[in-house]
Amino acid sequence: ADGRWTLHVAKTHKVVHMSIGGPTT
């Protein structure tokens, strides 16, 4: 659990996916 925000970058076969994770309880 974390009160901090996180940006996630996932790369699969040269395809990039970006997401934002909010705080977790």
PDBML (XML) file of the C-alpha atoms, coordinates in Angstrom:
<?xml version="1.0" encoding="UTF-8" ?>
<PDBx:datablock datablockName="MODEL"
   xmlns:PDBx="http://pdbml.pdb.org/schema/pdbx-v50.xsd"
   xmlns:xsi="http://www.w3.org/2001/XMLSchema-instance"
   xsi:schemaLocation="http://pdbml.pdb.org/schema/pdbx-v50.xsd pdbx-v50.xsd">
   <PDBx:atom_siteCategory>
      <PDBx:atom_site id="1">
         <PDBx:B_iso_or_equiv>0.00</PDBx:B_iso_or_equiv>
         <PDBx:Cartn_x>0.000</PDBx:Cartn_x>
         <PDBx:Cartn_y>0.000</PDBx:Cartn_y>
         <PDBx:Cartn_z>0.000</PDBx:Cartn_z>
         <PDBx:auth_asym_id>A</PDBx:auth_asym_id>
         <PDBx:auth_atom_id>CA</PDBx:auth_atom_id>
         <PDBx:auth_comp_id>ALA</PDBx:auth_comp_id>
         <PDBx:auth_seq_id>1</PDBx:auth_seq_id>
         <PDBx:group_PDB>ATOM</PDBx:group_PDB>
         <PDBx:label_alt_id xsi:nil="true" />
         <PDBx:label_asym_id>A</PDBx:label_asym_id>
         <PDBx:label_atom_id>CA</PDBx:label_atom_id>
         <PDBx:label_comp_id>ALA</PDBx:label_comp_id>
         <PDBx:label_entity_id>1</PDBx:label_entity_id>
         <PDBx:label_seq_id>1</PDBx:label_seq_id>
         <PDBx:occupancy>1.00</PDBx:occupancy>
         <PDBx:pdbx_PDB_model_num>1</PDBx:pdbx_PDB_model_num>
         <PDBx:type_symbol>C</PDBx:type_symbol>
      </PDBx:atom_site>
      <PDBx:atom_site id="2">
         <PDBx:B_iso_or_equiv>0.00</PDBx:B_iso_or_equiv>
         <PDBx:Cartn_x>1.280</PDBx:Cartn_x>
         <PDBx:Cartn_y>3.459</PDBx:Cartn_y>
         <PDBx:Cartn_z>-0.844</PDBx:Cartn_z>
         <PDBx:auth_asym_id>A</PDBx:auth_asym_id>
         <PDBx:auth_atom_id>CA</PDBx:auth_atom_id>
         <PDBx:auth_comp_id>ASP</PDBx:auth_comp_id>
         <PDBx:auth_seq_id>2</PDBx:auth_seq_id>
         <PDBx:group_PDB>ATOM</PDBx:group_PDB>
         <PDBx:label_alt_id xsi:nil="true" />
         <PDBx:label_asym_id>A</PDBx:label_asym_id>
         <PDBx:label_atom_id>CA</PDBx:label_atom_id>
         <PDBx:label_comp_id>ASP</PDBx:label_comp_id>
         <PDBx:label_entity_id>1</PDBx:label_entity_id>
         <PDBx:label_seq_id>2</PDBx:label_seq_id>
         <PDBx:occupancy>1.00</PDBx:occupancy>
         <PDBx:pdbx_PDB_model_num>1</PDBx:pdbx_PDB_model_num>
         <PDBx:type_symbol>C</PDBx:type_symbol>
      </PDBx:atom_site>
      <PDBx:atom_site id="3">
         <PDBx:B_iso_or_equiv>0.00</PDBx:B_iso_or_equiv>
         <PDBx:Cartn_x>-0.045</PDBx:Cartn_x>
         <PDBx:Cartn_y>7.002</PDBx:Cartn_y>
         <PDBx:Cartn_z>-0.695</PDBx:Cartn_z>
         <PDBx:auth_asym_id>A</PDBx:auth_asym_id>
         <PDBx:auth_atom_id>CA</PDBx:auth_atom_id>
         <PDBx:auth_comp_id>GLY</PDBx:auth_comp_id>
         <PDBx:auth_seq_id>3</PDBx:auth_seq_id>
         <PDBx:group_PDB>ATOM</PDBx:group_PDB>
         <PDBx:label_alt_id xsi:nil="true" />
         <PDBx:label_asym_id>A</PDBx:label_asym_id>
         <PDBx:label_atom_id>CA</PDBx:label_atom_id>
         <PDBx:label_comp_id>GLY</PDBx:label_comp_id>
         <PDBx:label_entity_id>1</PDBx:label_entity_id>
         <PDBx:label_seq_id>3</PDBx:label_seq_id>
         <PDBx:occupancy>1.00</PDBx:occupancy>
         <PDBx:pdbx_PDB_model_num>1</PDBx:pdbx_PDB_model_num>
         <PDBx:type_symbol>C</PDBx:type_symbol>
      </PDBx:atom_site>
      <PDBx:atom_site id="4">
         <PDBx:B_iso_or_equiv>0.00</PDBx:B_iso_or_equiv>
         <PDBx:Cartn_x>2.150</PDBx:Cartn_x>
         <PDBx:Cartn_y>8.006</PDBx:Cartn_y>
         <PDBx:Cartn_z>-3.631</PDBx:Cartn_z>
         <PDBx:auth_asym_id>A</PDBx:auth_asym_id>
         <PDBx:auth_atom_id>CA</PDBx:auth_atom_id>
         <PDBx:auth_comp_id>ARG</PDBx:auth_comp_id>
         <PDBx:auth_seq_id>4</PDBx:auth_seq_id>
         <PDBx:group_PDB>ATOM</PDBx:group_PDB>
         <PDBx:label_alt_id xsi:nil="true" />
         <PDBx:label_asym_id>A</PDBx:label_asym_id>
         <PDBx:label_atom_id>CA</PDBx:label_atom_id>
         <PDBx:label_comp_id>ARG</PDBx:label_comp_id>
         <PDBx:label_entity_id>1</PDBx:label_entity_id>
         <PDBx:label_seq_id>4</PDBx:label_seq_id>
         <PDBx:occupancy>1.00</PDBx:occupancy>
         <PDBx:pdbx_PDB_model_num>1</PDBx:pdbx_PDB_model_num>
         <PDBx:type_symbol>C</PDBx:type_symbol>
      </PDBx:atom_site>
      <PDBx:atom_site id="5">
         <PDBx:B_iso_or_equiv>0.00</PDBx:B_iso_or_equiv>
         <PDBx:Cartn_x>1.210</PDBx:Cartn_x>
         <PDBx:Cartn_y>8.216</PDBx:Cartn_y>
         <PDBx:Cartn_z>-7.306</PDBx:Cartn_z>
         <PDBx:auth_asym_id>A</PDBx:auth_asym_id>
         <PDBx:auth_atom_id>CA</PDBx:auth_atom_id>
         <PDBx:auth_comp_id>TRP</PDBx:auth_comp_id>
         <PDBx:auth_seq_id>5</PDBx:auth_seq_id>
         <PDBx:group_PDB>ATOM</PDBx:group_PDB>
         <PDBx:label_alt_id xsi:nil="true" />
         <PDBx:label_asym_id>A</PDBx:label_asym_id>
         <PDBx:label_atom_id>CA</PDBx:label_atom_id>
         <PDBx:label_comp_id>TRP</PDBx:label_comp_id>
         <PDBx:label_entity_id>1</PDBx:label_entity_id>
         <PDBx:label_seq_id>5</PDBx:label_seq_id>
         <PDBx:occupancy>1.00</PDBx:occupancy>
         <PDBx:pdbx_PDB_model_num>1</PDBx:pdbx_PDB_model_num>
         <PDBx:type_symbol>C</PDBx:type_symbol>
      </PDBx:atom_site>
      <PDBx:atom_site id="6">
         <PDBx:B_iso_or_equiv>0.00</PDBx:B_iso_or_equiv>
         <PDBx:Cartn_x>3.110</PDBx:Cartn_x>
         <PDBx:Cartn_y>6.156</PDBx:Cartn_y>
         <PDBx:Cartn_z>-9.888</PDBx:Cartn_z>
         <PDBx:auth_asym_id>A</PDBx:auth_asym_id>
         <PDBx:auth_atom_id>CA</PDBx:auth_atom_id>
         <PDBx:auth_comp_id>THR</PDBx:auth_comp_id>
         <PDBx:auth_seq_id>6</PDBx:auth_seq_id>
         <PDBx:group_PDB>ATOM</PDBx:group_PDB>
         <PDBx:label_alt_id xsi:nil="true" />
         <PDBx:label_asym_id>A</PDBx:label_asym_id>
         <PDBx:label_atom_id>CA</PDBx:label_atom_id>
         <PDBx:label_comp_id>THR</PDBx:label_comp_id>
         <PDBx:label_entity_id>1</PDBx:label_entity_id>
         <PDBx:label_seq_id>6</PDBx:label_seq_id>
         <PDBx:occupancy>1.00</PDBx:occupancy>
         <PDBx:pdbx_PDB_model_num>1</PDBx:pdbx_PDB_model_num>
         <PDBx:type_symbol>C</PDBx:type_symbol>
      </PDBx:atom_site>
      <PDBx:atom_site id="7">
         <PDBx:B_iso_or_equiv>0.00</PDBx:B_iso_or_equiv>
         <PDBx:Cartn_x>3.623</PDBx:Cartn_x>
         <PDBx:Cartn_y>6.420</PDBx:Cartn_y>
         <PDBx:Cartn_z>-13.638</PDBx:Cartn_z>
         <PDBx:auth_asym_id>A</PDBx:auth_asym_id>
         <PDBx:auth_atom_id>CA</PDBx:auth_atom_id>
         <PDBx:auth_comp_id>LEU</PDBx:auth_comp_id>
         <PDBx:auth_seq_id>7</PDBx:auth_seq_id>
         <PDBx:group_PDB>ATOM</PDBx:group_PDB>
         <PDBx:label_alt_id xsi:nil="true" />
         <PDBx:label_asym_id>A</PDBx:label_asym_id>
         <PDBx:label_atom_id>CA</PDBx:label_atom_id>
         <PDBx:label_comp_id>LEU</PDBx:label_comp_id>
         <PDBx:label_entity_id>1</PDBx:label_entity_id>
         <PDBx:label_seq_id>7</PDBx:label_seq_id>
         <PDBx:occupancy>1.00</PDBx:occupancy>
         <PDBx:pdbx_PDB_model_num>1</PDBx:pdbx_PDB_model_num>
         <PDBx:type_symbol>C</PDBx:type_symbol>
      </PDBx:atom_site>
      <PDBx:atom_site id="8">
         <PDBx:B_iso_or_equiv>0.00</PDBx:B_iso_or_equiv>
         <PDBx:Cartn_x>4.062</PDBx:Cartn_x>
         <PDBx:Cartn_y>3.032</PDBx:Cartn_y>
         <PDBx:Cartn_z>-15.317</PDBx:Cartn_z>
         <PDBx:auth_asym_id>A</PDBx:auth_asym_id>
         <PDBx:auth_atom_id>CA</PDBx:auth_atom_id>
         <PDBx:auth_comp_id>HIS</PDBx:auth_comp_id>
         <PDBx:auth_seq_id>8</PDBx:auth_seq_id>
         <PDBx:group_PDB>ATOM</PDBx:group_PDB>
         <PDBx:label_alt_id xsi:nil="true" />
         <PDBx:label_asym_id>A</PDBx:label_asym_id>
         <PDBx:label_atom_id>CA</PDBx:label_atom_id>
         <PDBx:label_comp_id>HIS</PDBx:label_comp_id>
         <PDBx:label_entity_id>1</PDBx:label_entity_id>
         <PDBx:label_seq_id>8</PDBx:label_seq_id>
         <PDBx:occupancy>1.00</PDBx:occupancy>
         <PDBx:pdbx_PDB_model_num>1</PDBx:pdbx_PDB_model_num>
         <PDBx:type_symbol>C</PDBx:type_symbol>
      </PDBx:atom_site>
      <PDBx:atom_site id="9">
         <PDBx:B_iso_or_equiv>0.00</PDBx:B_iso_or_equiv>
         <PDBx:Cartn_x>5.727</PDBx:Cartn_x>
         <PDBx:Cartn_y>2.526</PDBx:Cartn_y>
         <PDBx:Cartn_z>-18.682</PDBx:Cartn_z>
         <PDBx:auth_asym_id>A</PDBx:auth_asym_id>
         <PDBx:auth_atom_id>CA</PDBx:auth_atom_id>
         <PDBx:auth_comp_id>VAL</PDBx:auth_comp_id>
         <PDBx:auth_seq_id>9</PDBx:auth_seq_id>
         <PDBx:group_PDB>ATOM</PDBx:group_PDB>
         <PDBx:label_alt_id xsi:nil="true" />
         <PDBx:label_asym_id>A</PDBx:label_asym_id>
         <PDBx:label_atom_id>CA</PDBx:label_atom_id>
         <PDBx:label_comp_id>VAL</PDBx:label_comp_id>
         <PDBx:label_entity_id>1</PDBx:label_entity_id>
         <PDBx:label_seq_id>9</PDBx:label_seq_id>
         <PDBx:occupancy>1.00</PDBx:occupancy>
         <PDBx:pdbx_PDB_model_num>1</PDBx:pdbx_PDB_model_num>
         <PDBx:type_symbol>C</PDBx:type_symbol>
      </PDBx:atom_site>
      <PDBx:atom_site id="10">
         <PDBx:B_iso_or_equiv>0.00</PDBx:B_iso_or_equiv>
         <PDBx:Cartn_x>5.418</PDBx:Cartn_x>
         <PDBx:Cartn_y>-0.974</PDBx:Cartn_y>
         <PDBx:Cartn_z>-20.163</PDBx:Cartn_z>
         <PDBx:auth_asym_id>A</PDBx:auth_asym_id>
         <PDBx:auth_atom_id>CA</PDBx:auth_atom_id>
         <PDBx:auth_comp_id>ALA</PDBx:auth_comp_id>
         <PDBx:auth_seq_id>10</PDBx:auth_seq_id>
         <PDBx:group_PDB>ATOM</PDBx:group_PDB>
         <PDBx:label_alt_id xsi:nil="true" />
         <PDBx:label_asym_id>A</PDBx:label_asym_id>
         <PDBx:label_atom_id>CA</PDBx:label_atom_id>
         <PDBx:label_comp_id>ALA</PDBx:label_comp_id>
         <PDBx:label_entity_id>1</PDBx:label_entity_id>
         <PDBx:label_seq_id>10</PDBx:label_seq_id>
         <PDBx:occupancy>1.00</PDBx:occupancy>
         <PDBx:pdbx_PDB_model_num>1</PDBx:pdbx_PDB_model_num>
         <PDBx:type_symbol>C</PDBx:type_symbol>
      </PDBx:atom_site>
      <PDBx:atom_site id="11">
         <PDBx:B_iso_or_equiv>0.00</PDBx:B_iso_or_equiv>
         <PDBx:Cartn_x>7.153</PDBx:Cartn_x>
         <PDBx:Cartn_y>-1.898</PDBx:Cartn_y>
         <PDBx:Cartn_z>-23.426</PDBx:Cartn_z>
         <PDBx:auth_asym_id>A</PDBx:auth_asym_id>
         <PDBx:auth_atom_id>CA</PDBx:auth_atom_id>
         <PDBx:auth_comp_id>LYS</PDBx:auth_comp_id>
         <PDBx:auth_seq_id>11</PDBx:auth_seq_id>
         <PDBx:group_PDB>ATOM</PDBx:group_PDB>
         <PDBx:label_alt_id xsi:nil="true" />
         <PDBx:label_asym_id>A</PDBx:label_asym_id>
         <PDBx:label_atom_id>CA</PDBx:label_atom_id>
         <PDBx:label_comp_id>LYS</PDBx:label_comp_id>
         <PDBx:label_entity_id>1</PDBx:label_entity_id>
         <PDBx:label_seq_id>11</PDBx:label_seq_id>
         <PDBx:occupancy>1.00</PDBx:occupancy>
         <PDBx:pdbx_PDB_model_num>1</PDBx:pdbx_PDB_model_num>
         <PDBx:type_symbol>C</PDBx:type_symbol>
      </PDBx:atom_site>
      <PDBx:atom_site id="12">
         <PDBx:B_iso_or_equiv>0.00</PDBx:B_iso_or_equiv>
         <PDBx:Cartn_x>6.257</PDBx:Cartn_x>
         <PDBx:Cartn_y>-5.070</PDBx:Cartn_y>
         <PDBx:Cartn_z>-25.325</PDBx:Cartn_z>
         <PDBx:auth_asym_id>A</PDBx:auth_asym_id>
         <PDBx:auth_atom_id>CA</PDBx:auth_atom_id>
         <PDBx:auth_comp_id>THR</PDBx:auth_comp_id>
         <PDBx:auth_seq_id>12</PDBx:auth_seq_id>
         <PDBx:group_PDB>ATOM</PDBx:group_PDB>
         <PDBx:label_alt_id xsi:nil="true" />
         <PDBx:label_asym_id>A</PDBx:label_asym_id>
         <PDBx:label_atom_id>CA</PDBx:label_atom_id>
         <PDBx:label_comp_id>THR</PDBx:label_comp_id>
         <PDBx:label_entity_id>1</PDBx:label_entity_id>
         <PDBx:label_seq_id>12</PDBx:label_seq_id>
         <PDBx:occupancy>1.00</PDBx:occupancy>
         <PDBx:pdbx_PDB_model_num>1</PDBx:pdbx_PDB_model_num>
         <PDBx:type_symbol>C</PDBx:type_symbol>
      </PDBx:atom_site>
      <PDBx:atom_site id="13">
         <PDBx:B_iso_or_equiv>0.00</PDBx:B_iso_or_equiv>
         <PDBx:Cartn_x>7.686</PDBx:Cartn_x>
         <PDBx:Cartn_y>-5.796</PDBx:Cartn_y>
         <PDBx:Cartn_z>-28.780</PDBx:Cartn_z>
         <PDBx:auth_asym_id>A</PDBx:auth_asym_id>
         <PDBx:auth_atom_id>CA</PDBx:auth_atom_id>
         <PDBx:auth_comp_id>HIS</PDBx:auth_comp_id>
         <PDBx:auth_seq_id>13</PDBx:auth_seq_id>
         <PDBx:group_PDB>ATOM</PDBx:group_PDB>
         <PDBx:label_alt_id xsi:nil="true" />
         <PDBx:label_asym_id>A</PDBx:label_asym_id>
         <PDBx:label_atom_id>CA</PDBx:label_atom_id>
         <PDBx:label_comp_id>HIS</PDBx:label_comp_id>
         <PDBx:label_entity_id>1</PDBx:label_entity_id>
         <PDBx:label_seq_id>13</PDBx:label_seq_id>
         <PDBx:occupancy>1.00</PDBx:occupancy>
         <PDBx:pdbx_PDB_model_num>1</PDBx:pdbx_PDB_model_num>
         <PDBx:type_symbol>C</PDBx:type_symbol>
      </PDBx:atom_site>
      <PDBx:atom_site id="14">
         <PDBx:B_iso_or_equiv>0.00</PDBx:B_iso_or_equiv>
         <PDBx:Cartn_x>8.437</PDBx:Cartn_x>
         <PDBx:Cartn_y>-2.080</PDBx:Cartn_y>
         <PDBx:Cartn_z>-29.303</PDBx:Cartn_z>
         <PDBx:auth_asym_id>A</PDBx:auth_asym_id>
         <PDBx:auth_atom_id>CA</PDBx:auth_atom_id>
         <PDBx:auth_comp_id>LYS</PDBx:auth_comp_id>
         <PDBx:auth_seq_id>14</PDBx:auth_seq_id>
         <PDBx:group_PDB>ATOM</PDBx:group_PDB>
         <PDBx:label_alt_id xsi:nil="true" />
         <PDBx:label_asym_id>A</PDBx:label_asym_id>
         <PDBx:label_atom_id>CA</PDBx:label_atom_id>
         <PDBx:label_comp_id>LYS</PDBx:label_comp_id>
         <PDBx:label_entity_id>1</PDBx:label_entity_id>
         <PDBx:label_seq_id>14</PDBx:label_seq_id>
         <PDBx:occupancy>1.00</PDBx:occupancy>
         <PDBx:pdbx_PDB_model_num>1</PDBx:pdbx_PDB_model_num>
         <PDBx:type_symbol>C</PDBx:type_symbol>
      </PDBx:atom_site>
      <PDBx:atom_site id="15">
         <PDBx:B_iso_or_equiv>0.00</PDBx:B_iso_or_equiv>
         <PDBx:Cartn_x>4.870</PDBx:Cartn_x>
         <PDBx:Cartn_y>-1.109</PDBx:Cartn_y>
         <PDBx:Cartn_z>-28.362</PDBx:Cartn_z>
         <PDBx:auth_asym_id>A</PDBx:auth_asym_id>
         <PDBx:auth_atom_id>CA</PDBx:auth_atom_id>
         <PDBx:auth_comp_id>VAL</PDBx:auth_comp_id>
         <PDBx:auth_seq_id>15</PDBx:auth_seq_id>
         <PDBx:group_PDB>ATOM</PDBx:group_PDB>
         <PDBx:label_alt_id xsi:nil="true" />
         <PDBx:label_asym_id>A</PDBx:label_asym_id>
         <PDBx:label_atom_id>CA</PDBx:label_atom_id>
         <PDBx:label_comp_id>VAL</PDBx:label_comp_id>
         <PDBx:label_entity_id>1</PDBx:label_entity_id>
         <PDBx:label_seq_id>15</PDBx:label_seq_id>
         <PDBx:occupancy>1.00</PDBx:occupancy>
         <PDBx:pdbx_PDB_model_num>1</PDBx:pdbx_PDB_model_num>
         <PDBx:type_symbol>C</PDBx:type_symbol>
      </PDBx:atom_site>
      <PDBx:atom_site id="16">
         <PDBx:B_iso_or_equiv>0.00</PDBx:B_iso_or_equiv>
         <PDBx:Cartn_x>4.793</PDBx:Cartn_x>
         <PDBx:Cartn_y>1.269</PDBx:Cartn_y>
         <PDBx:Cartn_z>-25.364</PDBx:Cartn_z>
         <PDBx:auth_asym_id>A</PDBx:auth_asym_id>
         <PDBx:auth_atom_id>CA</PDBx:auth_atom_id>
         <PDBx:auth_comp_id>VAL</PDBx:auth_comp_id>
         <PDBx:auth_seq_id>16</PDBx:auth_seq_id>
         <PDBx:group_PDB>ATOM</PDBx:group_PDB>
         <PDBx:label_alt_id xsi:nil="true" />
         <PDBx:label_asym_id>A</PDBx:label_asym_id>
         <PDBx:label_atom_id>CA</PDBx:label_atom_id>
         <PDBx:label_comp_id>VAL</PDBx:label_comp_id>
         <PDBx:label_entity_id>1</PDBx:label_entity_id>
         <PDBx:label_seq_id>16</PDBx:label_seq_id>
         <PDBx:occupancy>1.00</PDBx:occupancy>
         <PDBx:pdbx_PDB_model_num>1</PDBx:pdbx_PDB_model_num>
         <PDBx:type_symbol>C</PDBx:type_symbol>
      </PDBx:atom_site>
      <PDBx:atom_site id="17">
         <PDBx:B_iso_or_equiv>0.00</PDBx:B_iso_or_equiv>
         <PDBx:Cartn_x>1.873</PDBx:Cartn_x>
         <PDBx:Cartn_y>1.525</PDBx:Cartn_y>
         <PDBx:Cartn_z>-22.951</PDBx:Cartn_z>
         <PDBx:auth_asym_id>A</PDBx:auth_asym_id>
         <PDBx:auth_atom_id>CA</PDBx:auth_atom_id>
         <PDBx:auth_comp_id>HIS</PDBx:auth_comp_id>
         <PDBx:auth_seq_id>17</PDBx:auth_seq_id>
         <PDBx:group_PDB>ATOM</PDBx:group_PDB>
         <PDBx:label_alt_id xsi:nil="true" />
         <PDBx:label_asym_id>A</PDBx:label_asym_id>
         <PDBx:label_atom_id>CA</PDBx:label_atom_id>
         <PDBx:label_comp_id>HIS</PDBx:label_comp_id>
         <PDBx:label_entity_id>1</PDBx:label_entity_id>
         <PDBx:label_seq_id>17</PDBx:label_seq_id>
         <PDBx:occupancy>1.00</PDBx:occupancy>
         <PDBx:pdbx_PDB_model_num>1</PDBx:pdbx_PDB_model_num>
         <PDBx:type_symbol>C</PDBx:type_symbol>
      </PDBx:atom_site>
      <PDBx:atom_site id="18">
         <PDBx:B_iso_or_equiv>0.00</PDBx:B_iso_or_equiv>
         <PDBx:Cartn_x>1.671</PDBx:Cartn_x>
         <PDBx:Cartn_y>4.357</PDBx:Cartn_y>
         <PDBx:Cartn_z>-20.412</PDBx:Cartn_z>
         <PDBx:auth_asym_id>A</PDBx:auth_asym_id>
         <PDBx:auth_atom_id>CA</PDBx:auth_atom_id>
         <PDBx:auth_comp_id>MET</PDBx:auth_comp_id>
         <PDBx:auth_seq_id>18</PDBx:auth_seq_id>
         <PDBx:group_PDB>ATOM</PDBx:group_PDB>
         <PDBx:label_alt_id xsi:nil="true" />
         <PDBx:label_asym_id>A</PDBx:label_asym_id>
         <PDBx:label_atom_id>CA</PDBx:label_atom_id>
         <PDBx:label_comp_id>MET</PDBx:label_comp_id>
         <PDBx:label_entity_id>1</PDBx:label_entity_id>
         <PDBx:label_seq_id>18</PDBx:label_seq_id>
         <PDBx:occupancy>1.00</PDBx:occupancy>
         <PDBx:pdbx_PDB_model_num>1</PDBx:pdbx_PDB_model_num>
         <PDBx:type_symbol>C</PDBx:type_symbol>
      </PDBx:atom_site>
      <PDBx:atom_site id="19">
         <PDBx:B_iso_or_equiv>0.00</PDBx:B_iso_or_equiv>
         <PDBx:Cartn_x>-0.554</PDBx:Cartn_x>
         <PDBx:Cartn_y>4.397</PDBx:Cartn_y>
         <PDBx:Cartn_z>-17.333</PDBx:Cartn_z>
         <PDBx:auth_asym_id>A</PDBx:auth_asym_id>
         <PDBx:auth_atom_id>CA</PDBx:auth_atom_id>
         <PDBx:auth_comp_id>SER</PDBx:auth_comp_id>
         <PDBx:auth_seq_id>19</PDBx:auth_seq_id>
         <PDBx:group_PDB>ATOM</PDBx:group_PDB>
         <PDBx:label_alt_id xsi:nil="true" />
         <PDBx:label_asym_id>A</PDBx:label_asym_id>
         <PDBx:label_atom_id>CA</PDBx:label_atom_id>
         <PDBx:label_comp_id>SER</PDBx:label_comp_id>
         <PDBx:label_entity_id>1</PDBx:label_entity_id>
         <PDBx:label_seq_id>19</PDBx:label_seq_id>
         <PDBx:occupancy>1.00</PDBx:occupancy>
         <PDBx:pdbx_PDB_model_num>1</PDBx:pdbx_PDB_model_num>
         <PDBx:type_symbol>C</PDBx:type_symbol>
      </PDBx:atom_site>
      <PDBx:atom_site id="20">
         <PDBx:B_iso_or_equiv>0.00</PDBx:B_iso_or_equiv>
         <PDBx:Cartn_x>-0.951</PDBx:Cartn_x>
         <PDBx:Cartn_y>6.250</PDBx:Cartn_y>
         <PDBx:Cartn_z>-14.055</PDBx:Cartn_z>
         <PDBx:auth_asym_id>A</PDBx:auth_asym_id>
         <PDBx:auth_atom_id>CA</PDBx:auth_atom_id>
         <PDBx:auth_comp_id>ILE</PDBx:auth_comp_id>
         <PDBx:auth_seq_id>20</PDBx:auth_seq_id>
         <PDBx:group_PDB>ATOM</PDBx:group_PDB>
         <PDBx:label_alt_id xsi:nil="true" />
         <PDBx:label_asym_id>A</PDBx:label_asym_id>
         <PDBx:label_atom_id>CA</PDBx:label_atom_id>
         <PDBx:label_comp_id>ILE</PDBx:label_comp_id>
         <PDBx:label_entity_id>1</PDBx:label_entity_id>
         <PDBx:label_seq_id>20</PDBx:label_seq_id>
         <PDBx:occupancy>1.00</PDBx:occupancy>
         <PDBx:pdbx_PDB_model_num>1</PDBx:pdbx_PDB_model_num>
         <PDBx:type_symbol>C</PDBx:type_symbol>
      </PDBx:atom_site>
      <PDBx:atom_site id="21">
         <PDBx:B_iso_or_equiv>0.00</PDBx:B_iso_or_equiv>
         <PDBx:Cartn_x>-1.482</PDBx:Cartn_x>
         <PDBx:Cartn_y>4.414</PDBx:Cartn_y>
         <PDBx:Cartn_z>-10.796</PDBx:Cartn_z>
         <PDBx:auth_asym_id>A</PDBx:auth_asym_id>
         <PDBx:auth_atom_id>CA</PDBx:auth_atom_id>
         <PDBx:auth_comp_id>GLY</PDBx:auth_comp_id>
         <PDBx:auth_seq_id>21</PDBx:auth_seq_id>
         <PDBx:group_PDB>ATOM</PDBx:group_PDB>
         <PDBx:label_alt_id xsi:nil="true" />
         <PDBx:label_asym_id>A</PDBx:label_asym_id>
         <PDBx:label_atom_id>CA</PDBx:label_atom_id>
         <PDBx:label_comp_id>GLY</PDBx:label_comp_id>
         <PDBx:label_entity_id>1</PDBx:label_entity_id>
         <PDBx:label_seq_id>21</PDBx:label_seq_id>
         <PDBx:occupancy>1.00</PDBx:occupancy>
         <PDBx:pdbx_PDB_model_num>1</PDBx:pdbx_PDB_model_num>
         <PDBx:type_symbol>C</PDBx:type_symbol>
      </PDBx:atom_site>
      <PDBx:atom_site id="22">
         <PDBx:B_iso_or_equiv>0.00</PDBx:B_iso_or_equiv>
         <PDBx:Cartn_x>-3.191</PDBx:Cartn_x>
         <PDBx:Cartn_y>6.174</PDBx:Cartn_y>
         <PDBx:Cartn_z>-7.938</PDBx:Cartn_z>
         <PDBx:auth_asym_id>A</PDBx:auth_asym_id>
         <PDBx:auth_atom_id>CA</PDBx:auth_atom_id>
         <PDBx:auth_comp_id>GLY</PDBx:auth_comp_id>
         <PDBx:auth_seq_id>22</PDBx:auth_seq_id>
         <PDBx:group_PDB>ATOM</PDBx:group_PDB>
         <PDBx:label_alt_id xsi:nil="true" />
         <PDBx:label_asym_id>A</PDBx:label_asym_id>
         <PDBx:label_atom_id>CA</PDBx:label_atom_id>
         <PDBx:label_comp_id>GLY</PDBx:label_comp_id>
         <PDBx:label_entity_id>1</PDBx:label_entity_id>
         <PDBx:label_seq_id>22</PDBx:label_seq_id>
         <PDBx:occupancy>1.00</PDBx:occupancy>
         <PDBx:pdbx_PDB_model_num>1</PDBx:pdbx_PDB_model_num>
         <PDBx:type_symbol>C</PDBx:type_symbol>
      </PDBx:atom_site>
      <PDBx:atom_site id="23">
         <PDBx:B_iso_or_equiv>0.00</PDBx:B_iso_or_equiv>
         <PDBx:Cartn_x>-2.669</PDBx:Cartn_x>
         <PDBx:Cartn_y>5.752</PDBx:Cartn_y>
         <PDBx:Cartn_z>-4.186</PDBx:Cartn_z>
         <PDBx:auth_asym_id>A</PDBx:auth_asym_id>
         <PDBx:auth_atom_id>CA</PDBx:auth_atom_id>
         <PDBx:auth_comp_id>PRO</PDBx:auth_comp_id>
         <PDBx:auth_seq_id>23</PDBx:auth_seq_id>
         <PDBx:group_PDB>ATOM</PDBx:group_PDB>
         <PDBx:label_alt_id xsi:nil="true" />
         <PDBx:label_asym_id>A</PDBx:label_asym_id>
         <PDBx:label_atom_id>CA</PDBx:label_atom_id>
         <PDBx:label_comp_id>PRO</PDBx:label_comp_id>
         <PDBx:label_entity_id>1</PDBx:label_entity_id>
         <PDBx:label_seq_id>23</PDBx:label_seq_id>
         <PDBx:occupancy>1.00</PDBx:occupancy>
         <PDBx:pdbx_PDB_model_num>1</PDBx:pdbx_PDB_model_num>
         <PDBx:type_symbol>C</PDBx:type_symbol>
      </PDBx:atom_site>
      <PDBx:atom_site id="24">
         <PDBx:B_iso_or_equiv>0.00</PDBx:B_iso_or_equiv>
         <PDBx:Cartn_x>-3.333</PDBx:Cartn_x>
         <PDBx:Cartn_y>2.259</PDBx:Cartn_y>
         <PDBx:Cartn_z>-2.814</PDBx:Cartn_z>
         <PDBx:auth_asym_id>A</PDBx:auth_asym_id>
         <PDBx:auth_atom_id>CA</PDBx:auth_atom_id>
         <PDBx:auth_comp_id>THR</PDBx:auth_comp_id>
         <PDBx:auth_seq_id>24</PDBx:auth_seq_id>
         <PDBx:group_PDB>ATOM</PDBx:group_PDB>
         <PDBx:label_alt_id xsi:nil="true" />
         <PDBx:label_asym_id>A</PDBx:label_asym_id>
         <PDBx:label_atom_id>CA</PDBx:label_atom_id>
         <PDBx:label_comp_id>THR</PDBx:label_comp_id>
         <PDBx:label_entity_id>1</PDBx:label_entity_id>
         <PDBx:label_seq_id>24</PDBx:label_seq_id>
         <PDBx:occupancy>1.00</PDBx:occupancy>
         <PDBx:pdbx_PDB_model_num>1</PDBx:pdbx_PDB_model_num>
         <PDBx:type_symbol>C</PDBx:type_symbol>
      </PDBx:atom_site>
      <PDBx:atom_site id="25">
         <PDBx:B_iso_or_equiv>0.00</PDBx:B_iso_or_equiv>
         <PDBx:Cartn_x>-4.861</PDBx:Cartn_x>
         <PDBx:Cartn_y>1.168</PDBx:Cartn_y>
         <PDBx:Cartn_z>0.486</PDBx:Cartn_z>
         <PDBx:auth_asym_id>A</PDBx:auth_asym_id>
         <PDBx:auth_atom_id>CA</PDBx:auth_atom_id>
         <PDBx:auth_comp_id>THR</PDBx:auth_comp_id>
         <PDBx:auth_seq_id>25</PDBx:auth_seq_id>
         <PDBx:group_PDB>ATOM</PDBx:group_PDB>
         <PDBx:label_alt_id xsi:nil="true" />
         <PDBx:label_asym_id>A</PDBx:label_asym_id>
         <PDBx:label_atom_id>CA</PDBx:label_atom_id>
         <PDBx:label_comp_id>THR</PDBx:label_comp_id>
         <PDBx:label_entity_id>1</PDBx:label_entity_id>
         <PDBx:label_seq_id>25</PDBx:label_seq_id>
         <PDBx:occupancy>1.00</PDBx:occupancy>
         <PDBx:pdbx_PDB_model_num>1</PDBx:pdbx_PDB_model_num>
         <PDBx:type_symbol>C</PDBx:type_symbol>
      </PDBx:atom_site>
   </PDBx:atom_siteCategory>
</PDBx:datablock>
